[in-house]
Amino acid sequence: PDGRSYYYNTVTKQSSWEKPDDLKSLSEVVHTLSLKKRVNKYLIQNFCRNVHGKSLL
């Protein structure tokens, strides 16, 4: 009860202070998708500016 977060696997019934590798991988995927979304939005905005003279987003 020192207020620290921990991870608990409901299948194996094991807890750990360290983030499991599966969750690390998921975090990396989410981060990568977020970056791709921002890059795509930027590219679309610039394309619209170049074609139409204004951003459509």
PDB file of N, CA and C in Angstrom:
ATOM      1  N   PRO A   1       0.804  -1.215   0.000  1.00  0.00           N
ATOM      2  CA  PRO A   1       0.000   0.000   0.000  1.00  0.00           C
ATOM      3  C   PRO A   1       0.845   1.277   0.000  1.00  0.00           C
ATOM      4  N   ASP A   2       1.907   1.310  -0.802  1.00  0.00           N
ATOM      5  CA  ASP A   2       2.698   2.534  -0.868  1.00  0.00           C
ATOM      6  C   ASP A   2       2.268   3.415  -2.033  1.00  0.00           C
ATOM      7  N   GLY A   3       1.163   3.072  -2.693  1.00  0.00           N
ATOM      8  CA  GLY A   3       0.621   3.879  -3.771  1.00  0.00           C
ATOM      9  C   GLY A   3       1.208   3.602  -5.138  1.00  0.00           C
ATOM     10  N   ARG A   4       2.134   2.666  -5.229  1.00  0.00           N
ATOM     11  CA  ARG A   4       2.739   2.341  -6.523  1.00  0.00           C
ATOM     12  C   ARG A   4       1.793   1.481  -7.355  1.00  0.00           C
ATOM     13  N   SER A   5       1.831   1.677  -8.658  1.00  0.00           N
ATOM     14  CA  SER A   5       1.036   0.847  -9.567  1.00  0.00           C
ATOM     15  C   SER A   5       1.752  -0.464  -9.814  1.00  0.00           C
ATOM     16  N   TYR A   6       0.967  -1.506 -10.061  1.00  0.00           N
ATOM     17  CA  TYR A   6       1.546  -2.798 -10.418  1.00  0.00           C
ATOM     18  C   TYR A   6       0.651  -3.443 -11.461  1.00  0.00           C
ATOM     19  N   TYR A   7       1.150  -4.504 -12.045  1.00  0.00           N
ATOM     20  CA  TYR A   7       0.437  -5.212 -13.102  1.00  0.00           C
ATOM     21  C   TYR A   7       0.039  -6.588 -12.593  1.00  0.00           C
ATOM     22  N   TYR A   8      -1.204  -6.970 -12.890  1.00  0.00           N
ATOM     23  CA  TYR A   8      -1.707  -8.261 -12.441  1.00  0.00           C
ATOM     24  C   TYR A   8      -2.247  -9.026 -13.634  1.00  0.00           C
ATOM     25  N   ASN A   9      -1.751 -10.244 -13.826  1.00  0.00           N
ATOM     26  CA  ASN A   9      -2.197 -11.115 -14.908  1.00  0.00           C
ATOM     27  C   ASN A   9      -3.304 -12.006 -14.363  1.00  0.00           C
ATOM     28  N   THR A  10      -4.518 -11.813 -14.870  1.00  0.00           N
ATOM     29  CA  THR A  10      -5.658 -12.579 -14.360  1.00  0.00           C
ATOM     30  C   THR A  10      -5.618 -14.040 -14.787  1.00  0.00           C
ATOM     31  N   VAL A  11      -4.860 -14.353 -15.823  1.00  0.00           N
ATOM     32  CA  VAL A  11      -4.747 -15.737 -16.282  1.00  0.00           C
ATOM     33  C   VAL A  11      -3.765 -16.507 -15.406  1.00  0.00           C
ATOM     34  N   THR A  12      -2.576 -15.934 -15.217  1.00  0.00           N
ATOM     35  CA  THR A  12      -1.534 -16.624 -14.444  1.00  0.00           C
ATOM     36  C   THR A  12      -1.630 -16.339 -12.949  1.00  0.00           C
ATOM     37  N   LYS A  13      -2.430 -15.344 -12.588  1.00  0.00           N
ATOM     38  CA  LYS A  13      -2.596 -14.915 -11.189  1.00  0.00           C
ATOM     39  C   LYS A  13      -1.286 -14.375 -10.601  1.00  0.00           C
ATOM     40  N   GLN A  14      -0.433 -13.817 -11.459  1.00  0.00           N
ATOM     41  CA  GLN A  14       0.834 -13.260 -11.004  1.00  0.00           C
ATOM     42  C   GLN A  14       0.796 -11.743 -11.110  1.00  0.00           C
ATOM     43  N   SER A  15       1.459 -11.090 -10.160  1.00  0.00           N
ATOM     44  CA  SER A  15       1.580  -9.641 -10.205  1.00  0.00           C
ATOM     45  C   SER A  15       3.046  -9.271 -10.391  1.00  0.00           C
ATOM     46  N   SER A  16       3.254  -8.058 -10.900  1.00  0.00           N
ATOM     47  CA  SER A  16       4.610  -7.606 -11.185  1.00  0.00           C
ATOM     48  C   SER A  16       4.665  -6.087 -11.112  1.00  0.00           C
ATOM     49  N   TRP A  17       5.810  -5.566 -10.662  1.00  0.00           N
ATOM     50  CA  TRP A  17       6.022  -4.121 -10.670  1.00  0.00           C
ATOM     51  C   TRP A  17       6.379  -3.647 -12.076  1.00  0.00           C
ATOM     52  N   GLU A  18       6.977  -4.522 -12.854  1.00  0.00           N
ATOM     53  CA  GLU A  18       7.432  -4.181 -14.204  1.00  0.00           C
ATOM     54  C   GLU A  18       6.313  -4.398 -15.217  1.00  0.00           C
ATOM     55  N   LYS A  19       6.242  -3.521 -16.214  1.00  0.00           N
ATOM     56  CA  LYS A  19       5.243  -3.654 -17.268  1.00  0.00           C
ATOM     57  C   LYS A  19       5.567  -4.889 -18.107  1.00  0.00           C
ATOM     58  N   PRO A  20       4.599  -5.784 -18.308  1.00  0.00           N
ATOM     59  CA  PRO A  20       4.829  -6.980 -19.127  1.00  0.00           C
ATOM     60  C   PRO A  20       5.173  -6.617 -20.577  1.00  0.00           C
ATOM     61  N   ASP A  21       5.971  -7.472 -21.201  1.00  0.00           N
ATOM     62  CA  ASP A  21       6.394  -7.227 -22.582  1.00  0.00           C
ATOM     63  C   ASP A  21       5.212  -7.055 -23.526  1.00  0.00           C
ATOM     64  N   ASP A  22       4.148  -7.827 -23.330  1.00  0.00           N
ATOM     65  CA  ASP A  22       2.971  -7.709 -24.198  1.00  0.00           C
ATOM     66  C   ASP A  22       2.362  -6.310 -24.122  1.00  0.00           C
ATOM     67  N   LEU A  23       2.332  -5.735 -22.941  1.00  0.00           N
ATOM     68  CA  LEU A  23       1.784  -4.387 -22.795  1.00  0.00           C
ATOM     69  C   LEU A  23       2.737  -3.347 -23.356  1.00  0.00           C
ATOM     70  N   LYS A  24       4.036  -3.586 -23.236  1.00  0.00           N
ATOM     71  CA  LYS A  24       5.010  -2.670 -23.831  1.00  0.00           C
ATOM     72  C   LYS A  24       4.815  -2.634 -25.337  1.00  0.00           C
ATOM     73  N   SER A  25       4.636  -3.809 -25.929  1.00  0.00           N
ATOM     74  CA  SER A  25       4.432  -3.888 -27.376  1.00  0.00           C
ATOM     75  C   SER A  25       3.163  -3.153 -27.781  1.00  0.00           C
ATOM     76  N   LEU A  26       2.099  -3.316 -27.013  1.00  0.00           N
ATOM     77  CA  LEU A  26       0.841  -2.647 -27.308  1.00  0.00           C
ATOM     78  C   LEU A  26       1.015  -1.133 -27.227  1.00  0.00           C
ATOM     79  N   SER A  27       1.735  -0.658 -26.220  1.00  0.00           N
ATOM     80  CA  SER A  27       1.984   0.776 -26.081  1.00  0.00           C
ATOM     81  C   SER A  27       2.741   1.319 -27.285  1.00  0.00           C
ATOM     82  N   GLU A  28       3.712   0.555 -27.770  1.00  0.00           N
ATOM     83  CA  GLU A  28       4.482   0.983 -28.939  1.00  0.00           C
ATOM     84  C   GLU A  28       3.602   1.049 -30.176  1.00  0.00           C
ATOM     85  N   VAL A  29       2.703   0.082 -30.333  1.00  0.00           N
ATOM     86  CA  VAL A  29       1.792   0.072 -31.482  1.00  0.00           C
ATOM     87  C   VAL A  29       0.881   1.296 -31.430  1.00  0.00           C
ATOM     88  N   VAL A  30       0.322   1.578 -30.268  1.00  0.00           N
ATOM     89  CA  VAL A  30      -0.570   2.730 -30.113  1.00  0.00           C
ATOM     90  C   VAL A  30       0.187   4.020 -30.421  1.00  0.00           C
ATOM     91  N   HIS A  31       1.410   4.131 -29.923  1.00  0.00           N
ATOM     92  CA  HIS A  31       2.221   5.322 -30.173  1.00  0.00           C
ATOM     93  C   HIS A  31       2.491   5.479 -31.669  1.00  0.00           C
ATOM     94  N   THR A  32       2.863   4.396 -32.332  1.00  0.00           N
ATOM     95  CA  THR A  32       3.152   4.430 -33.765  1.00  0.00           C
ATOM     96  C   THR A  32       1.916   4.837 -34.560  1.00  0.00           C
ATOM     97  N   LEU A  33       0.760   4.280 -34.220  1.00  0.00           N
ATOM     98  CA  LEU A  33      -0.474   4.628 -34.925  1.00  0.00           C
ATOM     99  C   LEU A  33      -0.830   6.093 -34.714  1.00  0.00           C
ATOM    100  N   SER A  34      -0.601   6.594 -33.511  1.00  0.00           N
ATOM    101  CA  SER A  34      -0.873   7.994 -33.216  1.00  0.00           C
ATOM    102  C   SER A  34       0.016   8.904 -34.057  1.00  0.00           C
ATOM    103  N   LEU A  35       1.299   8.542 -34.166  1.00  0.00           N
ATOM    104  CA  LEU A  35       2.216   9.328 -34.993  1.00  0.00           C
ATOM    105  C   LEU A  35       1.793   9.308 -36.453  1.00  0.00           C
ATOM    106  N   LYS A  36       1.411   8.130 -36.950  1.00  0.00           N
ATOM    107  CA  LYS A  36       0.988   8.016 -38.346  1.00  0.00           C
ATOM    108  C   LYS A  36      -0.247   8.871 -38.609  1.00  0.00           C
ATOM    109  N   LYS A  37      -1.167   8.891 -37.660  1.00  0.00           N
ATOM    110  CA  LYS A  37      -2.386   9.679 -37.820  1.00  0.00           C
ATOM    111  C   LYS A  37      -2.049  11.167 -37.912  1.00  0.00           C
ATOM    112  N   ARG A  38      -1.128  11.629 -37.043  1.00  0.00           N
ATOM    113  CA  ARG A  38      -0.743  13.040 -37.070  1.00  0.00           C
ATOM    114  C   ARG A  38      -0.011  13.400 -38.360  1.00  0.00           C
ATOM    115  N   VAL A  39       0.857  12.509 -38.818  1.00  0.00           N
ATOM    116  CA  VAL A  39       1.586  12.757 -40.062  1.00  0.00           C
ATOM    117  C   VAL A  39       0.614  12.803 -41.232  1.00  0.00           C
ATOM    118  N   ASN A  40      -0.319  11.866 -41.290  1.00  0.00           N
ATOM    119  CA  ASN A  40      -1.309  11.854 -42.371  1.00  0.00           C
ATOM    120  C   ASN A  40      -2.139  13.129 -42.377  1.00  0.00           C
ATOM    121  N   LYS A  41      -2.550  13.593 -41.206  1.00  0.00           N
ATOM    122  CA  LYS A  41      -3.336  14.823 -41.119  1.00  0.00           C
ATOM    123  C   LYS A  41      -2.522  16.001 -41.642  1.00  0.00           C
ATOM    124  N   TYR A  42      -1.251  16.058 -41.259  1.00  0.00           N
ATOM    125  CA  TYR A  42      -0.366  17.121 -41.724  1.00  0.00           C
ATOM    126  C   TYR A  42      -0.231  17.088 -43.246  1.00  0.00           C
ATOM    127  N   LEU A  43      -0.014  15.885 -43.802  1.00  0.00           N
ATOM    128  CA  LEU A  43       0.144  15.753 -45.251  1.00  0.00           C
ATOM    129  C   LEU A  43      -1.129  16.156 -45.992  1.00  0.00           C
ATOM    130  N   ILE A  44      -2.277  15.751 -45.470  1.00  0.00           N
ATOM    131  CA  ILE A  44      -3.558  16.101 -46.099  1.00  0.00           C
ATOM    132  C   ILE A  44      -3.779  17.606 -46.053  1.00  0.00           C
ATOM    133  N   GLN A  45      -3.484  18.228 -44.909  1.00  0.00           N
ATOM    134  CA  GLN A  45      -3.657  19.678 -44.792  1.00  0.00           C
ATOM    135  C   GLN A  45      -2.780  20.414 -45.800  1.00  0.00           C
ATOM    136  N   ASN A  46      -1.538  19.998 -45.915  1.00  0.00           N
ATOM    137  CA  ASN A  46      -0.639  20.657 -46.861  1.00  0.00           C
ATOM    138  C   ASN A  46      -1.066  20.420 -48.301  1.00  0.00           C
ATOM    139  N   PHE A  47      -1.532  19.225 -48.609  1.00  0.00           N
ATOM    140  CA  PHE A  47      -2.026  18.938 -49.957  1.00  0.00           C
ATOM    141  C   PHE A  47      -3.208  19.850 -50.282  1.00  0.00           C
ATOM    142  N   CYS A  48      -4.149  19.958 -49.350  1.00  0.00           N
ATOM    143  CA  CYS A  48      -5.330  20.795 -49.575  1.00  0.00           C
ATOM    144  C   CYS A  48      -4.937  22.256 -49.746  1.00  0.00           C
ATOM    145  N   ARG A  49      -3.970  22.719 -48.947  1.00  0.00           N
ATOM    146  CA  ARG A  49      -3.496  24.091 -49.083  1.00  0.00           C
ATOM    147  C   ARG A  49      -2.884  24.320 -50.463  1.00  0.00           C
ATOM    148  N   ASN A  50      -2.095  23.366 -50.919  1.00  0.00           N
ATOM    149  CA  ASN A  50      -1.430  23.508 -52.216  1.00  0.00           C
ATOM    150  C   ASN A  50      -2.414  23.434 -53.377  1.00  0.00           C
ATOM    151  N   VAL A  51      -3.436  22.595 -53.267  1.00  0.00           N
ATOM    152  CA  VAL A  51      -4.392  22.416 -54.361  1.00  0.00           C
ATOM    153  C   VAL A  51      -5.487  23.481 -54.332  1.00  0.00           C
ATOM    154  N   HIS A  52      -6.029  23.740 -53.135  1.00  0.00           N
ATOM    155  CA  HIS A  52      -7.190  24.627 -53.012  1.00  0.00           C
ATOM    156  C   HIS A  52      -6.854  25.993 -52.419  1.00  0.00           C
ATOM    157  N   GLY A  53      -5.636  26.158 -51.965  1.00  0.00           N
ATOM    158  CA  GLY A  53      -5.259  27.426 -51.353  1.00  0.00           C
ATOM    159  C   GLY A  53      -5.733  27.575 -49.925  1.00  0.00           C
ATOM    160  N   LYS A  54      -6.347  26.533 -49.382  1.00  0.00           N
ATOM    161  CA  LYS A  54      -6.792  26.572 -47.983  1.00  0.00           C
ATOM    162  C   LYS A  54      -6.884  25.149 -47.456  1.00  0.00           C
ATOM    163  N   SER A  55      -6.873  25.035 -46.150  1.00  0.00           N
ATOM    164  CA  SER A  55      -6.999  23.725 -45.517  1.00  0.00           C
ATOM    165  C   SER A  55      -8.468  23.350 -45.430  1.00  0.00           C
ATOM    166  N   LEU A  56      -8.772  22.109 -45.723  1.00  0.00           N
ATOM    167  CA  LEU A  56     -10.158  21.643 -45.626  1.00  0.00           C
ATOM    168  C   LEU A  56     -10.434  20.956 -44.303  1.00  0.00           C
ATOM    169  N   LEU A  57      -9.390  20.793 -43.469  1.00  0.00           N
ATOM    170  CA  LEU A  57      -9.565  20.117 -42.180  1.00  0.00           C
ATOM    171  C   LEU A  57      -9.685  21.116 -41.067  1.00  0.00           C
TER     172      LEU A  57
END
